[in-house]
Structure formats: C-alpha cells, structure tokens
Amino acid sequence: VAALLPFWGQSEDSVGMAGAVICCVQIVPLLG
C-alpha cells in the first residue's frame, strides 16, 4: 500500500508501471 500511495492521482501509465513493479517485487518473498 505504501509503495503505491505516491502514485495516487498520477497517469494510468505511471500507476500501471508502479503496480507491475510492486507485483514483481512481491514474487521475491513468495519464492523466498
């Protein structure tokens, strides 16, 4: 939530890219 909050009100491209990066980072602990 904290990682996505700064993108509130940003363009869909920015929000989409941030969301994709967050999802990719979440894979690390999942596989960990």
Full PDB file with SEQRES, HELIX, SHEET, SSBOND, CRYST1, ORIGX, SCALE, CONECT and MASTER records, all heavy atoms in Angstrom:
SEQRES   1 A   32  VAL ALA ALA LEU LEU PRO PHE TRP GLY GLN SER GLU ASP          
SEQRES   2 A   32  SER VAL GLY MET ALA GLY ALA VAL ILE CYS CYS VAL GLN          
SEQRES   3 A   32  ILE VAL PRO LEU LEU GLY                                      
HELIX    1 AA1 LEU A    5  PHE A    7  5                                   3    
HELIX    2 AA2 GLU A   12  LEU A   31  1                                  20    
CRYST1    1.000    1.000    1.000  90.00  90.00  90.00 P 1           1          
ORIGX1      1.000000  0.000000  0.000000        0.00000                         
ORIGX2      0.000000  1.000000  0.000000        0.00000                         
ORIGX3      0.000000  0.000000  1.000000        0.00000                         
SCALE1      1.000000  0.000000  0.000000        0.00000                         
SCALE2      0.000000  1.000000  0.000000        0.00000                         
SCALE3      0.000000  0.000000  1.000000        0.00000                         
ATOM      1  N   VAL A   1       0.847  -1.200   0.000  1.00  0.00           N  
ATOM      2  CA  VAL A   1       0.000   0.000   0.000  1.00  0.00           C  
ATOM      3  C   VAL A   1       0.879   1.245   0.000  1.00  0.00           C  
ATOM      4  O   VAL A   1       0.662   2.178  -0.790  1.00  0.00           O  
ATOM      5  CB  VAL A   1      -0.959   0.004   1.210  1.00  0.00           C  
ATOM      6  CG1 VAL A   1      -1.709   1.319   1.300  1.00  0.00           C  
ATOM      7  CG2 VAL A   1      -1.931  -1.165   1.131  1.00  0.00           C  
ATOM      8  N   ALA A   2       1.895   1.254   0.861  1.00  0.00           N  
ATOM      9  CA  ALA A   2       2.778   2.420   0.964  1.00  0.00           C  
ATOM     10  C   ALA A   2       3.525   2.678  -0.344  1.00  0.00           C  
ATOM     11  O   ALA A   2       3.762   3.836  -0.711  1.00  0.00           O  
ATOM     12  CB  ALA A   2       3.772   2.220   2.107  1.00  0.00           C  
ATOM     13  N   ALA A   3       3.893   1.620  -1.052  1.00  0.00           N  
ATOM     14  CA  ALA A   3       4.623   1.785  -2.306  1.00  0.00           C  
ATOM     15  C   ALA A   3       3.737   2.368  -3.408  1.00  0.00           C  
ATOM     16  O   ALA A   3       4.221   3.055  -4.307  1.00  0.00           O  
ATOM     17  CB  ALA A   3       5.205   0.450  -2.751  1.00  0.00           C  
ATOM     18  N   LEU A   4       2.436   2.099  -3.345  1.00  0.00           N  
ATOM     19  CA  LEU A   4       1.534   2.592  -4.386  1.00  0.00           C  
ATOM     20  C   LEU A   4       0.947   3.977  -4.064  1.00  0.00           C  
ATOM     21  O   LEU A   4       0.545   4.702  -4.971  1.00  0.00           O  
ATOM     22  CB  LEU A   4       0.414   1.578  -4.629  1.00  0.00           C  
ATOM     23  CG  LEU A   4      -0.385   1.729  -5.911  1.00  0.00           C  
ATOM     24  CD1 LEU A   4       0.516   1.630  -7.145  1.00  0.00           C  
ATOM     25  CD2 LEU A   4      -1.487   0.695  -6.001  1.00  0.00           C  
ATOM     26  N   LEU A   5       0.928   4.341  -2.795  1.00  0.00           N  
ATOM     27  CA  LEU A   5       0.335   5.631  -2.399  1.00  0.00           C  
ATOM     28  C   LEU A   5       0.910   6.843  -3.134  1.00  0.00           C  
ATOM     29  O   LEU A   5       0.141   7.731  -3.526  1.00  0.00           O  
ATOM     30  CB  LEU A   5       0.473   5.837  -0.892  1.00  0.00           C  
ATOM     31  CG  LEU A   5      -0.636   5.235  -0.041  1.00  0.00           C  
ATOM     32  CD1 LEU A   5      -0.344   5.435   1.438  1.00  0.00           C  
ATOM     33  CD2 LEU A   5      -1.994   5.809  -0.396  1.00  0.00           C  
ATOM     34  N   PRO A   6       2.220   6.931  -3.353  1.00  0.00           N  
ATOM     35  CA  PRO A   6       2.744   8.109  -4.052  1.00  0.00           C  
ATOM     36  C   PRO A   6       2.220   8.267  -5.483  1.00  0.00           C  
ATOM     37  O   PRO A   6       2.351   9.333  -6.075  1.00  0.00           O  
ATOM     38  CB  PRO A   6       4.257   7.884  -4.068  1.00  0.00           C  
ATOM     39  CG  PRO A   6       4.525   6.912  -2.987  1.00  0.00           C  
ATOM     40  CD  PRO A   6       3.298   6.076  -2.873  1.00  0.00           C  
ATOM     41  N   PHE A   7       1.609   7.236  -6.020  1.00  0.00           N  
ATOM     42  CA  PHE A   7       1.121   7.286  -7.404  1.00  0.00           C  
ATOM     43  C   PHE A   7      -0.357   7.643  -7.494  1.00  0.00           C  
ATOM     44  O   PHE A   7      -0.933   7.629  -8.575  1.00  0.00           O  
ATOM     45  CB  PHE A   7       1.423   5.954  -8.111  1.00  0.00           C  
ATOM     46  CG  PHE A   7       2.890   5.715  -8.243  1.00  0.00           C  
ATOM     47  CD1 PHE A   7       3.583   5.003  -7.279  1.00  0.00           C  
ATOM     48  CD2 PHE A   7       3.588   6.247  -9.316  1.00  0.00           C  
ATOM     49  CE1 PHE A   7       4.947   4.812  -7.385  1.00  0.00           C  
ATOM     50  CE2 PHE A   7       4.951   6.058  -9.428  1.00  0.00           C  
ATOM     51  CZ  PHE A   7       5.635   5.336  -8.464  1.00  0.00           C  
ATOM     52  N   TRP A   8      -0.972   7.968  -6.337  1.00  0.00           N  
ATOM     53  CA  TRP A   8      -2.365   8.413  -6.314  1.00  0.00           C  
ATOM     54  C   TRP A   8      -2.487   9.672  -7.175  1.00  0.00           C  
ATOM     55  O   TRP A   8      -1.734  10.618  -7.031  1.00  0.00           O  
ATOM     56  CB  TRP A   8      -2.777   8.719  -4.881  1.00  0.00           C  
ATOM     57  CG  TRP A   8      -4.162   9.276  -4.754  1.00  0.00           C  
ATOM     58  CD1 TRP A   8      -4.500  10.588  -4.729  1.00  0.00           C  
ATOM     59  CD2 TRP A   8      -5.360   8.545  -4.653  1.00  0.00           C  
ATOM     60  NE1 TRP A   8      -5.850  10.722  -4.607  1.00  0.00           N  
ATOM     61  CE2 TRP A   8      -6.415   9.477  -4.556  1.00  0.00           C  
ATOM     62  CE3 TRP A   8      -5.677   7.196  -4.629  1.00  0.00           C  
ATOM     63  CZ2 TRP A   8      -7.741   9.100  -4.432  1.00  0.00           C  
ATOM     64  CZ3 TRP A   8      -6.991   6.822  -4.504  1.00  0.00           C  
ATOM     65  CH2 TRP A   8      -8.008   7.763  -4.409  1.00  0.00           C  
ATOM     66  N   GLY A   9      -3.390   9.692  -8.119  1.00  0.00           N  
ATOM     67  CA  GLY A   9      -3.619  10.843  -8.969  1.00  0.00           C  
ATOM     68  C   GLY A   9      -2.654  10.961 -10.141  1.00  0.00           C  
ATOM     69  O   GLY A   9      -2.751  11.909 -10.911  1.00  0.00           O  
ATOM     70  N   GLN A  10      -1.743  10.013 -10.292  1.00  0.00           N  
ATOM     71  CA  GLN A  10      -0.804  10.022 -11.412  1.00  0.00           C  
ATOM     72  C   GLN A  10      -1.478   9.416 -12.651  1.00  0.00           C  
ATOM     73  O   GLN A  10      -2.588   8.898 -12.586  1.00  0.00           O  
ATOM     74  CB  GLN A  10       0.460   9.226 -11.058  1.00  0.00           C  
ATOM     75  CG  GLN A  10       1.219   9.765  -9.865  1.00  0.00           C  
ATOM     76  CD  GLN A  10       1.854  11.109 -10.135  1.00  0.00           C  
ATOM     77  OE1 GLN A  10       2.385  11.347 -11.206  1.00  0.00           O  
ATOM     78  NE2 GLN A  10       1.761  12.001  -9.162  1.00  0.00           N  
ATOM     79  N   SER A  11      -0.781   9.448 -13.761  1.00  0.00           N  
ATOM     80  CA  SER A  11      -1.323   8.888 -15.004  1.00  0.00           C  
ATOM     81  C   SER A  11      -1.467   7.370 -14.889  1.00  0.00           C  
ATOM     82  O   SER A  11      -0.806   6.733 -14.071  1.00  0.00           O  
ATOM     83  CB  SER A  11      -0.392   9.220 -16.173  1.00  0.00           C  
ATOM     84  OG  SER A  11       0.816   8.485 -16.062  1.00  0.00           O  
ATOM     85  N   GLU A  12      -2.335   6.815 -15.721  1.00  0.00           N  
ATOM     86  CA  GLU A  12      -2.527   5.362 -15.726  1.00  0.00           C  
ATOM     87  C   GLU A  12      -1.232   4.638 -16.045  1.00  0.00           C  
ATOM     88  O   GLU A  12      -0.978   3.555 -15.518  1.00  0.00           O  
ATOM     89  CB  GLU A  12      -3.627   4.970 -16.713  1.00  0.00           C  
ATOM     90  CG  GLU A  12      -5.007   5.297 -16.217  1.00  0.00           C  
ATOM     91  CD  GLU A  12      -6.097   4.725 -17.104  1.00  0.00           C  
ATOM     92  OE1 GLU A  12      -5.805   3.998 -18.074  1.00  0.00           O  
ATOM     93  OE2 GLU A  12      -7.275   5.013 -16.817  1.00  0.00           O  
ATOM     94  N   ASP A  13      -0.417   5.214 -16.925  1.00  0.00           N  
ATOM     95  CA  ASP A  13       0.869   4.590 -17.245  1.00  0.00           C  
ATOM     96  C   ASP A  13       1.755   4.497 -16.017  1.00  0.00           C  
ATOM     97  O   ASP A  13       2.378   3.462 -15.759  1.00  0.00           O  
ATOM     98  CB  ASP A  13       1.599   5.371 -18.349  1.00  0.00           C  
ATOM     99  CG  ASP A  13       0.947   5.209 -19.717  1.00  0.00           C  
ATOM    100  OD1 ASP A  13       0.153   4.252 -19.876  1.00  0.00           O  
ATOM    101  OD2 ASP A  13       1.231   6.031 -20.601  1.00  0.00           O  
ATOM    102  N   SER A  14       1.826   5.569 -15.247  1.00  0.00           N  
ATOM    103  CA  SER A  14       2.652   5.574 -14.029  1.00  0.00           C  
ATOM    104  C   SER A  14       2.125   4.579 -12.999  1.00  0.00           C  
ATOM    105  O   SER A  14       2.892   3.825 -12.405  1.00  0.00           O  
ATOM    106  CB  SER A  14       2.688   6.960 -13.406  1.00  0.00           C  
ATOM    107  OG  SER A  14       3.281   7.885 -14.272  1.00  0.00           O  
ATOM    108  N   VAL A  15       0.828   4.602 -12.803  1.00  0.00           N  
ATOM    109  CA  VAL A  15       0.209   3.694 -11.834  1.00  0.00           C  
ATOM    110  C   VAL A  15       0.398   2.250 -12.271  1.00  0.00           C  
ATOM    111  O   VAL A  15       0.746   1.374 -11.465  1.00  0.00           O  
ATOM    112  CB  VAL A  15      -1.294   4.024 -11.649  1.00  0.00           C  
ATOM    113  CG1 VAL A  15      -1.984   2.987 -10.786  1.00  0.00           C  
ATOM    114  CG2 VAL A  15      -1.462   5.419 -11.067  1.00  0.00           C  
ATOM    115  N   GLY A  16       0.206   1.983 -13.541  1.00  0.00           N  
ATOM    116  CA  GLY A  16       0.373   0.628 -14.066  1.00  0.00           C  
ATOM    117  C   GLY A  16       1.802   0.125 -13.925  1.00  0.00           C  
ATOM    118  O   GLY A  16       2.033  -1.020 -13.534  1.00  0.00           O  
ATOM    119  N   MET A  17       2.762   0.997 -14.224  1.00  0.00           N  
ATOM    120  CA  MET A  17       4.164   0.605 -14.100  1.00  0.00           C  
ATOM    121  C   MET A  17       4.515   0.357 -12.630  1.00  0.00           C  
ATOM    122  O   MET A  17       5.179  -0.626 -12.302  1.00  0.00           O  
ATOM    123  CB  MET A  17       5.077   1.681 -14.694  1.00  0.00           C  
ATOM    124  CG  MET A  17       6.536   1.292 -14.697  1.00  0.00           C  
ATOM    125  SD  MET A  17       6.889  -0.213 -15.622  1.00  0.00           S  
ATOM    126  CE  MET A  17       6.618   0.348 -17.279  1.00  0.00           C  
ATOM    127  N   ALA A  18       4.065   1.230 -11.758  1.00  0.00           N  
ATOM    128  CA  ALA A  18       4.333   1.051 -10.326  1.00  0.00           C  
ATOM    129  C   ALA A  18       3.703  -0.244  -9.818  1.00  0.00           C  
ATOM    130  O   ALA A  18       4.341  -1.011  -9.080  1.00  0.00           O  
ATOM    131  CB  ALA A  18       3.798   2.242  -9.536  1.00  0.00           C  
ATOM    132  N   GLY A  19       2.474  -0.504 -10.221  1.00  0.00           N  
ATOM    133  CA  GLY A  19       1.795  -1.729  -9.804  1.00  0.00           C  
ATOM    134  C   GLY A  19       2.501  -2.979 -10.296  1.00  0.00           C  
ATOM    135  O   GLY A  19       2.626  -3.964  -9.565  1.00  0.00           O  
ATOM    136  N   ALA A  20       3.004  -2.924 -11.531  1.00  0.00           N  
ATOM    137  CA  ALA A  20       3.728  -4.071 -12.082  1.00  0.00           C  
ATOM    138  C   ALA A  20       5.030  -4.310 -11.325  1.00  0.00           C  
ATOM    139  O   ALA A  20       5.388  -5.456 -11.027  1.00  0.00           O  
ATOM    140  CB  ALA A  20       4.008  -3.847 -13.564  1.00  0.00           C  
ATOM    141  N   VAL A  21       5.725  -3.229 -11.003  1.00  0.00           N  
ATOM    142  CA  VAL A  21       6.984  -3.364 -10.256  1.00  0.00           C  
ATOM    143  C   VAL A  21       6.702  -3.944  -8.867  1.00  0.00           C  
ATOM    144  O   VAL A  21       7.421  -4.842  -8.402  1.00  0.00           O  
ATOM    145  CB  VAL A  21       7.711  -2.003 -10.156  1.00  0.00           C  
ATOM    146  CG1 VAL A  21       8.854  -2.053  -9.155  1.00  0.00           C  
ATOM    147  CG2 VAL A  21       8.219  -1.581 -11.530  1.00  0.00           C  
ATOM    148  N   ILE A  22       5.658  -3.460  -8.212  1.00  0.00           N  
ATOM    149  CA  ILE A  22       5.301  -3.971  -6.887  1.00  0.00           C  
ATOM    150  C   ILE A  22       4.994  -5.469  -6.968  1.00  0.00           C  
ATOM    151  O   ILE A  22       5.466  -6.249  -6.133  1.00  0.00           O  
ATOM    152  CB  ILE A  22       4.119  -3.184  -6.293  1.00  0.00           C  
ATOM    153  CG1 ILE A  22       4.557  -1.754  -5.979  1.00  0.00           C  
ATOM    154  CG2 ILE A  22       3.574  -3.862  -5.042  1.00  0.00           C  
ATOM    155  CD1 ILE A  22       3.406  -0.806  -5.690  1.00  0.00           C  
ATOM    156  N   CYS A  23       4.226  -5.872  -7.966  1.00  0.00           N  
ATOM    157  CA  CYS A  23       3.911  -7.303  -8.135  1.00  0.00           C  
ATOM    158  C   CYS A  23       5.172  -8.135  -8.331  1.00  0.00           C  
ATOM    159  O   CYS A  23       5.318  -9.218  -7.766  1.00  0.00           O  
ATOM    160  CB  CYS A  23       2.963  -7.511  -9.321  1.00  0.00           C  
ATOM    161  SG  CYS A  23       1.249  -7.139  -8.948  1.00  0.00           S  
ATOM    162  N   CYS A  24       6.093  -7.636  -9.133  1.00  0.00           N  
ATOM    163  CA  CYS A  24       7.345  -8.359  -9.377  1.00  0.00           C  
ATOM    164  C   CYS A  24       8.179  -8.460  -8.103  1.00  0.00           C  
ATOM    165  O   CYS A  24       8.769  -9.511  -7.833  1.00  0.00           O  
ATOM    166  CB  CYS A  24       8.146  -7.678 -10.488  1.00  0.00           C  
ATOM    167  SG  CYS A  24       7.404  -7.868 -12.117  1.00  0.00           S  
ATOM    168  N   VAL A  25       8.213  -7.394  -7.323  1.00  0.00           N  
ATOM    169  CA  VAL A  25       8.972  -7.416  -6.069  1.00  0.00           C  
ATOM    170  C   VAL A  25       8.339  -8.397  -5.079  1.00  0.00           C  
ATOM    171  O   VAL A  25       9.047  -9.067  -4.319  1.00  0.00           O  
ATOM    172  CB  VAL A  25       9.066  -5.989  -5.471  1.00  0.00           C  
ATOM    173  CG1 VAL A  25       9.615  -6.002  -4.059  1.00  0.00           C  
ATOM    174  CG2 VAL A  25       9.924  -5.107  -6.370  1.00  0.00           C  
ATOM    175  N   GLN A  26       7.032  -8.528  -5.100  1.00  0.00           N  
ATOM    176  CA  GLN A  26       6.342  -9.444  -4.190  1.00  0.00           C  
ATOM    177  C   GLN A  26       6.685 -10.899  -4.471  1.00  0.00           C  
ATOM    178  O   GLN A  26       6.563 -11.750  -3.588  1.00  0.00           O  
ATOM    179  CB  GLN A  26       4.825  -9.259  -4.287  1.00  0.00           C  
ATOM    180  CG  GLN A  26       4.339  -7.966  -3.711  1.00  0.00           C  
ATOM    181  CD  GLN A  26       2.864  -7.740  -3.978  1.00  0.00           C  
ATOM    182  OE1 GLN A  26       2.274  -8.336  -4.883  1.00  0.00           O  
ATOM    183  NE2 GLN A  26       2.258  -6.869  -3.195  1.00  0.00           N  
ATOM    184  N   ILE A  27       7.123 -11.195  -5.666  1.00  0.00           N  
ATOM    185  CA  ILE A  27       7.485 -12.566  -6.016  1.00  0.00           C  
ATOM    186  C   ILE A  27       8.708 -13.024  -5.216  1.00  0.00           C  
ATOM    187  O   ILE A  27       8.847 -14.199  -4.903  1.00  0.00           O  
ATOM    188  CB  ILE A  27       7.746 -12.679  -7.539  1.00  0.00           C  
ATOM    189  CG1 ILE A  27       6.484 -12.318  -8.316  1.00  0.00           C  
ATOM    190  CG2 ILE A  27       8.249 -14.045  -7.921  1.00  0.00           C  
ATOM    191  CD1 ILE A  27       5.269 -13.148  -8.006  1.00  0.00           C  
ATOM    192  N   VAL A  28       9.594 -12.081  -4.870  1.00  0.00           N  
ATOM    193  CA  VAL A  28      10.819 -12.434  -4.139  1.00  0.00           C  
ATOM    194  C   VAL A  28      10.490 -13.106  -2.798  1.00  0.00           C  
ATOM    195  O   VAL A  28      10.966 -14.218  -2.538  1.00  0.00           O  
ATOM    196  CB  VAL A  28      11.739 -11.207  -3.970  1.00  0.00           C  
ATOM    197  CG1 VAL A  28      12.924 -11.524  -3.093  1.00  0.00           C  
ATOM    198  CG2 VAL A  28      12.193 -10.694  -5.333  1.00  0.00           C  
ATOM    199  N   PRO A  29       9.691 -12.493  -1.917  1.00  0.00           N  
ATOM    200  CA  PRO A  29       9.377 -13.200  -0.670  1.00  0.00           C  
ATOM    201  C   PRO A  29       8.514 -14.444  -0.888  1.00  0.00           C  
ATOM    202  O   PRO A  29       8.643 -15.425  -0.153  1.00  0.00           O  
ATOM    203  CB  PRO A  29       8.649 -12.165   0.182  1.00  0.00           C  
ATOM    204  CG  PRO A  29       8.296 -11.053  -0.719  1.00  0.00           C  
ATOM    205  CD  PRO A  29       9.184 -11.125  -1.909  1.00  0.00           C  
ATOM    206  N   LEU A  30       7.668 -14.408  -1.903  1.00  0.00           N  
ATOM    207  CA  LEU A  30       6.845 -15.582  -2.194  1.00  0.00           C  
ATOM    208  C   LEU A  30       7.725 -16.789  -2.515  1.00  0.00           C  
ATOM    209  O   LEU A  30       7.527 -17.882  -1.982  1.00  0.00           O  
ATOM    210  CB  LEU A  30       5.888 -15.275  -3.352  1.00  0.00           C  
ATOM    211  CG  LEU A  30       4.818 -16.310  -3.664  1.00  0.00           C  
ATOM    212  CD1 LEU A  30       3.911 -16.530  -2.470  1.00  0.00           C  
ATOM    213  CD2 LEU A  30       3.997 -15.846  -4.855  1.00  0.00           C  
ATOM    214  N   LEU A  31       8.722 -16.584  -3.370  1.00  0.00           N  
ATOM    215  CA  LEU A  31       9.661 -17.672  -3.691  1.00  0.00           C  
ATOM    216  C   LEU A  31      10.648 -17.895  -2.552  1.00  0.00           C  
ATOM    217  O   LEU A  31      11.149 -19.008  -2.370  1.00  0.00           O  
ATOM    218  CB  LEU A  31      10.398 -17.364  -4.991  1.00  0.00           C  
ATOM    219  CG  LEU A  31       9.530 -17.314  -6.246  1.00  0.00           C  
ATOM    220  CD1 LEU A  31      10.363 -16.936  -7.461  1.00  0.00           C  
ATOM    221  CD2 LEU A  31       8.829 -18.643  -6.475  1.00  0.00           C  
ATOM    222  N   GLY A  32      10.919 -16.843  -1.786  1.00  0.00           N  
ATOM    223  CA  GLY A  32      11.816 -16.972  -0.646  1.00  0.00           C  
ATOM    224  C   GLY A  32      11.302 -17.957   0.388  1.00  0.00           C  
ATOM    225  O   GLY A  32      12.091 -18.635   1.053  1.00  0.00           O  
TER     226      GLY A  32                                                      
MASTER        0    0    0    2    0    0    0    6  225    1    0    3          
END                                                                             
